[in-house]
Amino acid sequence: PGSPDMALASMGIYVFETAALAEHLRRDAEETS
């Protein structure tokens, strides 16, 4: 927004609260797909 010729590319850097991250990882581990 405001710079339509630019994009935001991921650096592969993520910040989580540890408890929330653990919950997401456990949920994802149960997803067979």
All heavy atoms as atom14 arrays in JSON, in Angstrom:
{
  "sequence": "PGSPDMALASMGIYVFETAALAEHLRRDAEETS",
  "atom14_mask": [
    [1, 1, 1, 1, 1, 1, 1, 0, 0, 0, 0, 0, 0, 0],
    [1, 1, 1, 1, 0, 0, 0, 0, 0, 0, 0, 0, 0, 0],
    [1, 1, 1, 1, 1, 1, 0, 0, 0, 0, 0, 0, 0, 0],
    [1, 1, 1, 1, 1, 1, 1, 0, 0, 0, 0, 0, 0, 0],
    [1, 1, 1, 1, 1, 1, 1, 1, 0, 0, 0, 0, 0, 0],
    [1, 1, 1, 1, 1, 1, 1, 1, 0, 0, 0, 0, 0, 0],
    [1, 1, 1, 1, 1, 0, 0, 0, 0, 0, 0, 0, 0, 0],
    [1, 1, 1, 1, 1, 1, 1, 1, 0, 0, 0, 0, 0, 0],
    [1, 1, 1, 1, 1, 0, 0, 0, 0, 0, 0, 0, 0, 0],
    [1, 1, 1, 1, 1, 1, 0, 0, 0, 0, 0, 0, 0, 0],
    [1, 1, 1, 1, 1, 1, 1, 1, 0, 0, 0, 0, 0, 0],
    [1, 1, 1, 1, 0, 0, 0, 0, 0, 0, 0, 0, 0, 0],
    [1, 1, 1, 1, 1, 1, 1, 1, 0, 0, 0, 0, 0, 0],
    [1, 1, 1, 1, 1, 1, 1, 1, 1, 1, 1, 1, 0, 0],
    [1, 1, 1, 1, 1, 1, 1, 0, 0, 0, 0, 0, 0, 0],
    [1, 1, 1, 1, 1, 1, 1, 1, 1, 1, 1, 0, 0, 0],
    [1, 1, 1, 1, 1, 1, 1, 1, 1, 0, 0, 0, 0, 0],
    [1, 1, 1, 1, 1, 1, 1, 0, 0, 0, 0, 0, 0, 0],
    [1, 1, 1, 1, 1, 0, 0, 0, 0, 0, 0, 0, 0, 0],
    [1, 1, 1, 1, 1, 0, 0, 0, 0, 0, 0, 0, 0, 0],
    [1, 1, 1, 1, 1, 1, 1, 1, 0, 0, 0, 0, 0, 0],
    [1, 1, 1, 1, 1, 0, 0, 0, 0, 0, 0, 0, 0, 0],
    [1, 1, 1, 1, 1, 1, 1, 1, 1, 0, 0, 0, 0, 0],
    [1, 1, 1, 1, 1, 1, 1, 1, 1, 1, 0, 0, 0, 0],
    [1, 1, 1, 1, 1, 1, 1, 1, 0, 0, 0, 0, 0, 0],
    [1, 1, 1, 1, 1, 1, 1, 1, 1, 1, 1, 0, 0, 0],
    [1, 1, 1, 1, 1, 1, 1, 1, 1, 1, 1, 0, 0, 0],
    [1, 1, 1, 1, 1, 1, 1, 1, 0, 0, 0, 0, 0, 0],
    [1, 1, 1, 1, 1, 0, 0, 0, 0, 0, 0, 0, 0, 0],
    [1, 1, 1, 1, 1, 1, 1, 1, 1, 0, 0, 0, 0, 0],
    [1, 1, 1, 1, 1, 1, 1, 1, 1, 0, 0, 0, 0, 0],
    [1, 1, 1, 1, 1, 1, 1, 0, 0, 0, 0, 0, 0, 0],
    [1, 1, 1, 1, 1, 1, 0, 0, 0, 0, 0, 0, 0, 0]
  ],
  "atom14_positions": [
    [[0.83, -1.21, 0.0], [0.0, 0.0, 0.0], [0.87, 1.26, 0.0], [1.76, 1.42, 0.82], [-0.79, -0.12, 1.31], [-0.86, -1.59, 1.57], [0.45, -2.14, 1.07], [0.0, 0.0, 0.0], [0.0, 0.0, 0.0], [0.0, 0.0, 0.0], [0.0, 0.0, 0.0], [0.0, 0.0, 0.0], [0.0, 0.0, 0.0], [0.0, 0.0, 0.0]],
    [[0.63, 2.11, -0.96], [1.41, 3.34, -1.09], [2.64, 3.17, -1.94], [3.22, 4.17, -2.39], [0.0, 0.0, 0.0], [0.0, 0.0, 0.0], [0.0, 0.0, 0.0], [0.0, 0.0, 0.0], [0.0, 0.0, 0.0], [0.0, 0.0, 0.0], [0.0, 0.0, 0.0], [0.0, 0.0, 0.0], [0.0, 0.0, 0.0], [0.0, 0.0, 0.0]],
    [[3.08, 1.93, -2.18], [4.24, 1.65, -3.05], [3.91, 0.43, -3.91], [4.43, -0.66, -3.71], [5.5, 1.39, -2.22], [5.82, 2.48, -1.39], [0.0, 0.0, 0.0], [0.0, 0.0, 0.0], [0.0, 0.0, 0.0], [0.0, 0.0, 0.0], [0.0, 0.0, 0.0], [0.0, 0.0, 0.0], [0.0, 0.0, 0.0], [0.0, 0.0, 0.0]],
    [[3.02, 0.6, -4.88], [2.52, -0.55, -5.65], [3.59, -1.27, -6.47], [3.38, -2.42, -6.87], [1.46, 0.07, -6.56], [1.82, 1.54, -6.64], [2.42, 1.87, -5.31], [0.0, 0.0, 0.0], [0.0, 0.0, 0.0], [0.0, 0.0, 0.0], [0.0, 0.0, 0.0], [0.0, 0.0, 0.0], [0.0, 0.0, 0.0], [0.0, 0.0, 0.0]],
    [[4.73, -0.62, -6.73], [5.79, -1.26, -7.5], [6.74, -2.08, -6.62], [7.69, -2.69, -7.13], [6.59, -0.22, -8.28], [5.76, 0.46, -9.34], [4.82, -0.18, -9.86], [6.05, 1.64, -9.66], [0.0, 0.0, 0.0], [0.0, 0.0, 0.0], [0.0, 0.0, 0.0], [0.0, 0.0, 0.0], [0.0, 0.0, 0.0], [0.0, 0.0, 0.0]],
    [[6.52, -2.08, -5.31], [7.34, -2.83, -4.38], [6.51, -3.93, -3.72], [5.29, -3.85, -3.65], [7.93, -1.92, -3.3], [8.75, -0.76, -3.83], [10.27, -1.27, -4.66], [11.26, -1.75, -3.21], [0.0, 0.0, 0.0], [0.0, 0.0, 0.0], [0.0, 0.0, 0.0], [0.0, 0.0, 0.0], [0.0, 0.0, 0.0], [0.0, 0.0, 0.0]],
    [[7.2, -4.97, -3.24], [6.53, -6.08, -2.55], [7.3, -6.41, -1.29], [8.5, -6.09, -1.16], [6.44, -7.3, -3.46], [0.0, 0.0, 0.0], [0.0, 0.0, 0.0], [0.0, 0.0, 0.0], [0.0, 0.0, 0.0], [0.0, 0.0, 0.0], [0.0, 0.0, 0.0], [0.0, 0.0, 0.0], [0.0, 0.0, 0.0], [0.0, 0.0, 0.0]],
    [[6.62, -7.07, -0.34], [7.25, -7.51, 0.9], [7.56, -9.0, 0.78], [6.65, -9.83, 0.72], [6.33, -7.25, 2.1], [6.13, -5.79, 2.49], [5.19, -5.69, 3.69], [7.46, -5.12, 2.82], [0.0, 0.0, 0.0], [0.0, 0.0, 0.0], [0.0, 0.0, 0.0], [0.0, 0.0, 0.0], [0.0, 0.0, 0.0], [0.0, 0.0, 0.0]],
    [[8.85, -9.33, 0.75], [9.3, -10.71, 0.62], [9.76, -11.24, 1.98], [10.46, -10.54, 2.72], [10.44, -10.8, -0.39], [0.0, 0.0, 0.0], [0.0, 0.0, 0.0], [0.0, 0.0, 0.0], [0.0, 0.0, 0.0], [0.0, 0.0, 0.0], [0.0, 0.0, 0.0], [0.0, 0.0, 0.0], [0.0, 0.0, 0.0], [0.0, 0.0, 0.0]],
    [[9.39, -12.46, 2.28], [9.75, -13.05, 3.57], [11.25, -13.31, 3.65], [11.87, -13.8, 2.71], [8.99, -14.37, 3.78], [9.46, -15.05, 4.92], [0.0, 0.0, 0.0], [0.0, 0.0, 0.0], [0.0, 0.0, 0.0], [0.0, 0.0, 0.0], [0.0, 0.0, 0.0], [0.0, 0.0, 0.0], [0.0, 0.0, 0.0], [0.0, 0.0, 0.0]],
    [[11.84, -13.01, 4.81], [13.25, -13.29, 5.08], [13.44, -14.65, 5.74], [14.56, -15.05, 6.03], [13.83, -12.22, 6.01], [13.78, -10.81, 5.47], [14.25, -9.59, 6.73], [15.99, -9.95, 6.94], [0.0, 0.0, 0.0], [0.0, 0.0, 0.0], [0.0, 0.0, 0.0], [0.0, 0.0, 0.0], [0.0, 0.0, 0.0], [0.0, 0.0, 0.0]],
    [[12.34, -15.35, 6.01], [12.44, -16.61, 6.74], [12.75, -16.41, 8.21], [13.32, -17.29, 8.86], [0.0, 0.0, 0.0], [0.0, 0.0, 0.0], [0.0, 0.0, 0.0], [0.0, 0.0, 0.0], [0.0, 0.0, 0.0], [0.0, 0.0, 0.0], [0.0, 0.0, 0.0], [0.0, 0.0, 0.0], [0.0, 0.0, 0.0], [0.0, 0.0, 0.0]],
    [[12.36, -15.25, 8.75], [12.56, -14.94, 10.17], [11.18, -14.77, 10.81], [10.37, -13.97, 10.33], [13.38, -13.66, 10.36], [14.76, -13.81, 9.71], [13.52, -13.3, 11.83], [15.6, -12.55, 9.74], [0.0, 0.0, 0.0], [0.0, 0.0, 0.0], [0.0, 0.0, 0.0], [0.0, 0.0, 0.0], [0.0, 0.0, 0.0], [0.0, 0.0, 0.0]],
    [[10.92, -15.54, 11.87], [9.61, -15.52, 12.51], [9.77, -15.37, 14.02], [10.64, -16.0, 14.62], [8.85, -16.81, 12.23], [8.85, -17.24, 10.79], [9.58, -18.37, 10.38], [8.15, -16.54, 9.82], [9.6, -18.78, 9.06], [8.16, -16.94, 8.49], [8.89, -18.06, 8.11], [8.9, -18.45, 6.79], [0.0, 0.0, 0.0], [0.0, 0.0, 0.0]],
    [[8.91, -14.56, 14.63], [8.87, -14.43, 16.09], [7.51, -14.92, 16.59], [6.47, -14.49, 16.07], [9.11, -12.97, 16.54], [8.88, -12.83, 18.04], [10.52, -12.52, 16.18], [0.0, 0.0, 0.0], [0.0, 0.0, 0.0], [0.0, 0.0, 0.0], [0.0, 0.0, 0.0], [0.0, 0.0, 0.0], [0.0, 0.0, 0.0], [0.0, 0.0, 0.0]],
    [[7.55, -15.82, 17.57], [6.34, -16.36, 18.2], [6.5, -16.27, 19.71], [7.62, -16.26, 20.22], [6.15, -17.84, 17.89], [5.94, -18.22, 16.46], [7.02, -18.43, 15.61], [4.66, -18.41, 15.96], [6.83, -18.83, 14.3], [4.46, -18.81, 14.65], [5.55, -19.02, 13.81], [0.0, 0.0, 0.0], [0.0, 0.0, 0.0], [0.0, 0.0, 0.0]],
    [[5.38, -16.29, 20.42], [5.43, -16.7, 21.82], [5.59, -18.22, 21.82], [4.95, -18.92, 21.03], [4.18, -16.27, 22.57], [4.16, -14.8, 22.9], [3.22, -14.48, 24.06], [2.86, -15.41, 24.81], [2.87, -13.29, 24.21], [0.0, 0.0, 0.0], [0.0, 0.0, 0.0], [0.0, 0.0, 0.0], [0.0, 0.0, 0.0], [0.0, 0.0, 0.0]],
    [[6.44, -18.72, 22.69], [6.78, -20.14, 22.65], [5.57, -21.04, 22.81], [5.42, -22.04, 22.09], [7.82, -20.46, 23.74], [8.93, -19.57, 23.6], [8.31, -21.89, 23.63], [0.0, 0.0, 0.0], [0.0, 0.0, 0.0], [0.0, 0.0, 0.0], [0.0, 0.0, 0.0], [0.0, 0.0, 0.0], [0.0, 0.0, 0.0], [0.0, 0.0, 0.0]],
    [[4.7, -20.71, 23.74], [3.52, -21.54, 23.97], [2.64, -21.6, 22.73], [2.12, -22.67, 22.36], [2.74, -21.01, 25.17], [0.0, 0.0, 0.0], [0.0, 0.0, 0.0], [0.0, 0.0, 0.0], [0.0, 0.0, 0.0], [0.0, 0.0, 0.0], [0.0, 0.0, 0.0], [0.0, 0.0, 0.0], [0.0, 0.0, 0.0], [0.0, 0.0, 0.0]],
    [[2.46, -20.47, 22.07], [1.64, -20.44, 20.86], [2.29, -21.22, 19.73], [1.61, -21.94, 18.98], [1.4, -18.98, 20.44], [0.0, 0.0, 0.0], [0.0, 0.0, 0.0], [0.0, 0.0, 0.0], [0.0, 0.0, 0.0], [0.0, 0.0, 0.0], [0.0, 0.0, 0.0], [0.0, 0.0, 0.0], [0.0, 0.0, 0.0], [0.0, 0.0, 0.0]],
    [[3.62, -21.09, 19.6], [4.33, -21.85, 18.57], [4.16, -23.35, 18.79], [3.89, -24.1, 17.84], [5.81, -21.48, 18.58], [6.72, -22.31, 17.67], [6.3, -22.17, 16.2], [8.19, -21.92, 17.84], [0.0, 0.0, 0.0], [0.0, 0.0, 0.0], [0.0, 0.0, 0.0], [0.0, 0.0, 0.0], [0.0, 0.0, 0.0], [0.0, 0.0, 0.0]],
    [[4.31, -23.79, 20.03], [4.17, -25.22, 20.33], [2.78, -25.71, 19.95], [2.61, -26.81, 19.38], [4.43, -25.46, 21.81], [0.0, 0.0, 0.0], [0.0, 0.0, 0.0], [0.0, 0.0, 0.0], [0.0, 0.0, 0.0], [0.0, 0.0, 0.0], [0.0, 0.0, 0.0], [0.0, 0.0, 0.0], [0.0, 0.0, 0.0], [0.0, 0.0, 0.0]],
    [[1.77, -24.9, 20.22], [0.39, -25.28, 19.88], [0.22, -25.43, 18.37], [-0.38, -26.4, 17.89], [-0.57, -24.23, 20.42], [-2.04, -24.53, 20.19], [-2.94, -23.45, 20.77], [-2.57, -22.85, 21.8], [-4.01, -23.22, 20.18], [0.0, 0.0, 0.0], [0.0, 0.0, 0.0], [0.0, 0.0, 0.0], [0.0, 0.0, 0.0], [0.0, 0.0, 0.0]],
    [[0.78, -24.48, 17.61], [0.68, -24.55, 16.14], [1.43, -25.76, 15.59], [0.95, -26.42, 14.66], [1.2, -23.26, 15.52], [0.28, -22.09, 15.66], [-0.98, -22.05, 15.09], [0.42, -20.91, 16.34], [-1.56, -20.91, 15.39], [-0.74, -20.19, 16.14], [0.0, 0.0, 0.0], [0.0, 0.0, 0.0], [0.0, 0.0, 0.0], [0.0, 0.0, 0.0]],
    [[2.59, -26.04, 16.14], [3.37, -27.17, 15.64], [2.69, -28.5, 15.94], [2.7, -29.41, 15.11], [4.77, -27.14, 16.26], [5.68, -25.98, 15.82], [6.98, -26.0, 16.61], [5.96, -26.05, 14.32], [0.0, 0.0, 0.0], [0.0, 0.0, 0.0], [0.0, 0.0, 0.0], [0.0, 0.0, 0.0], [0.0, 0.0, 0.0], [0.0, 0.0, 0.0]],
    [[2.1, -28.62, 17.11], [1.4, -29.87, 17.45], [0.17, -30.05, 16.56], [-0.13, -31.17, 16.12], [1.03, -29.85, 18.93], [2.23, -29.93, 19.86], [1.81, -30.01, 21.32], [2.98, -30.06, 22.2], [3.27, -29.13, 23.1], [2.46, -28.08, 23.26], [4.34, -29.25, 23.86], [0.0, 0.0, 0.0], [0.0, 0.0, 0.0], [0.0, 0.0, 0.0]],
    [[-0.54, -28.96, 16.32], [-1.69, -29.05, 15.42], [-1.26, -29.46, 14.03], [-1.86, -30.36, 13.4], [-2.41, -27.69, 15.37], [-3.56, -27.63, 14.36], [-3.98, -26.2, 14.07], [-2.85, -25.36, 13.69], [-2.28, -25.39, 12.5], [-2.7, -26.23, 11.56], [-1.26, -24.57, 12.24], [0.0, 0.0, 0.0], [0.0, 0.0, 0.0], [0.0, 0.0, 0.0]],
    [[-0.19, -28.85, 13.54], [0.28, -29.14, 12.19], [0.77, -30.59, 12.07], [0.61, -31.23, 11.02], [1.4, -28.17, 11.81], [1.85, -28.34, 10.38], [1.09, -27.96, 9.46], [2.97, -28.87, 10.16], [0.0, 0.0, 0.0], [0.0, 0.0, 0.0], [0.0, 0.0, 0.0], [0.0, 0.0, 0.0], [0.0, 0.0, 0.0], [0.0, 0.0, 0.0]],
    [[1.39, -31.1, 13.13], [1.91, -32.47, 13.09], [0.8, -33.5, 12.93], [1.04, -34.61, 12.44], [2.7, -32.75, 14.37], [0.0, 0.0, 0.0], [0.0, 0.0, 0.0], [0.0, 0.0, 0.0], [0.0, 0.0, 0.0], [0.0, 0.0, 0.0], [0.0, 0.0, 0.0], [0.0, 0.0, 0.0], [0.0, 0.0, 0.0], [0.0, 0.0, 0.0]],
    [[-0.41, -33.13, 13.31], [-1.54, -34.05, 13.18], [-2.22, -33.97, 11.82], [-3.08, -34.79, 11.5], [-2.57, -33.76, 14.28], [-2.04, -34.04, 15.69], [-3.03, -33.65, 16.77], [-4.11, -33.12, 16.41], [-2.73, -33.87, 17.96], [0.0, 0.0, 0.0], [0.0, 0.0, 0.0], [0.0, 0.0, 0.0], [0.0, 0.0, 0.0], [0.0, 0.0, 0.0]],
    [[-1.83, -32.97, 11.02], [-2.4, -32.81, 9.69], [-1.65, -33.71, 8.7], [-0.48, -33.49, 8.41], [-2.3, -31.35, 9.23], [-3.14, -30.38, 10.03], [-4.62, -30.47, 9.67], [-4.93, -31.04, 8.61], [-5.44, -29.99, 10.46], [0.0, 0.0, 0.0], [0.0, 0.0, 0.0], [0.0, 0.0, 0.0], [0.0, 0.0, 0.0], [0.0, 0.0, 0.0]],
    [[-2.32, -34.72, 8.18], [-1.64, -35.66, 7.28], [-1.25, -35.02, 5.96], [-0.3, -35.48, 5.3], [-2.55, -36.87, 7.01], [-3.81, -36.4, 6.48], [-2.81, -37.65, 8.29], [0.0, 0.0, 0.0], [0.0, 0.0, 0.0], [0.0, 0.0, 0.0], [0.0, 0.0, 0.0], [0.0, 0.0, 0.0], [0.0, 0.0, 0.0], [0.0, 0.0, 0.0]],
    [[-1.94, -33.95, 5.56], [-1.64, -33.31, 4.27], [-0.57, -32.24, 4.37], [-0.16, -31.67, 3.35], [-2.92, -32.69, 3.71], [-3.44, -31.71, 4.6], [0.0, 0.0, 0.0], [0.0, 0.0, 0.0], [0.0, 0.0, 0.0], [0.0, 0.0, 0.0], [0.0, 0.0, 0.0], [0.0, 0.0, 0.0], [0.0, 0.0, 0.0], [0.0, 0.0, 0.0]]
  ]
}
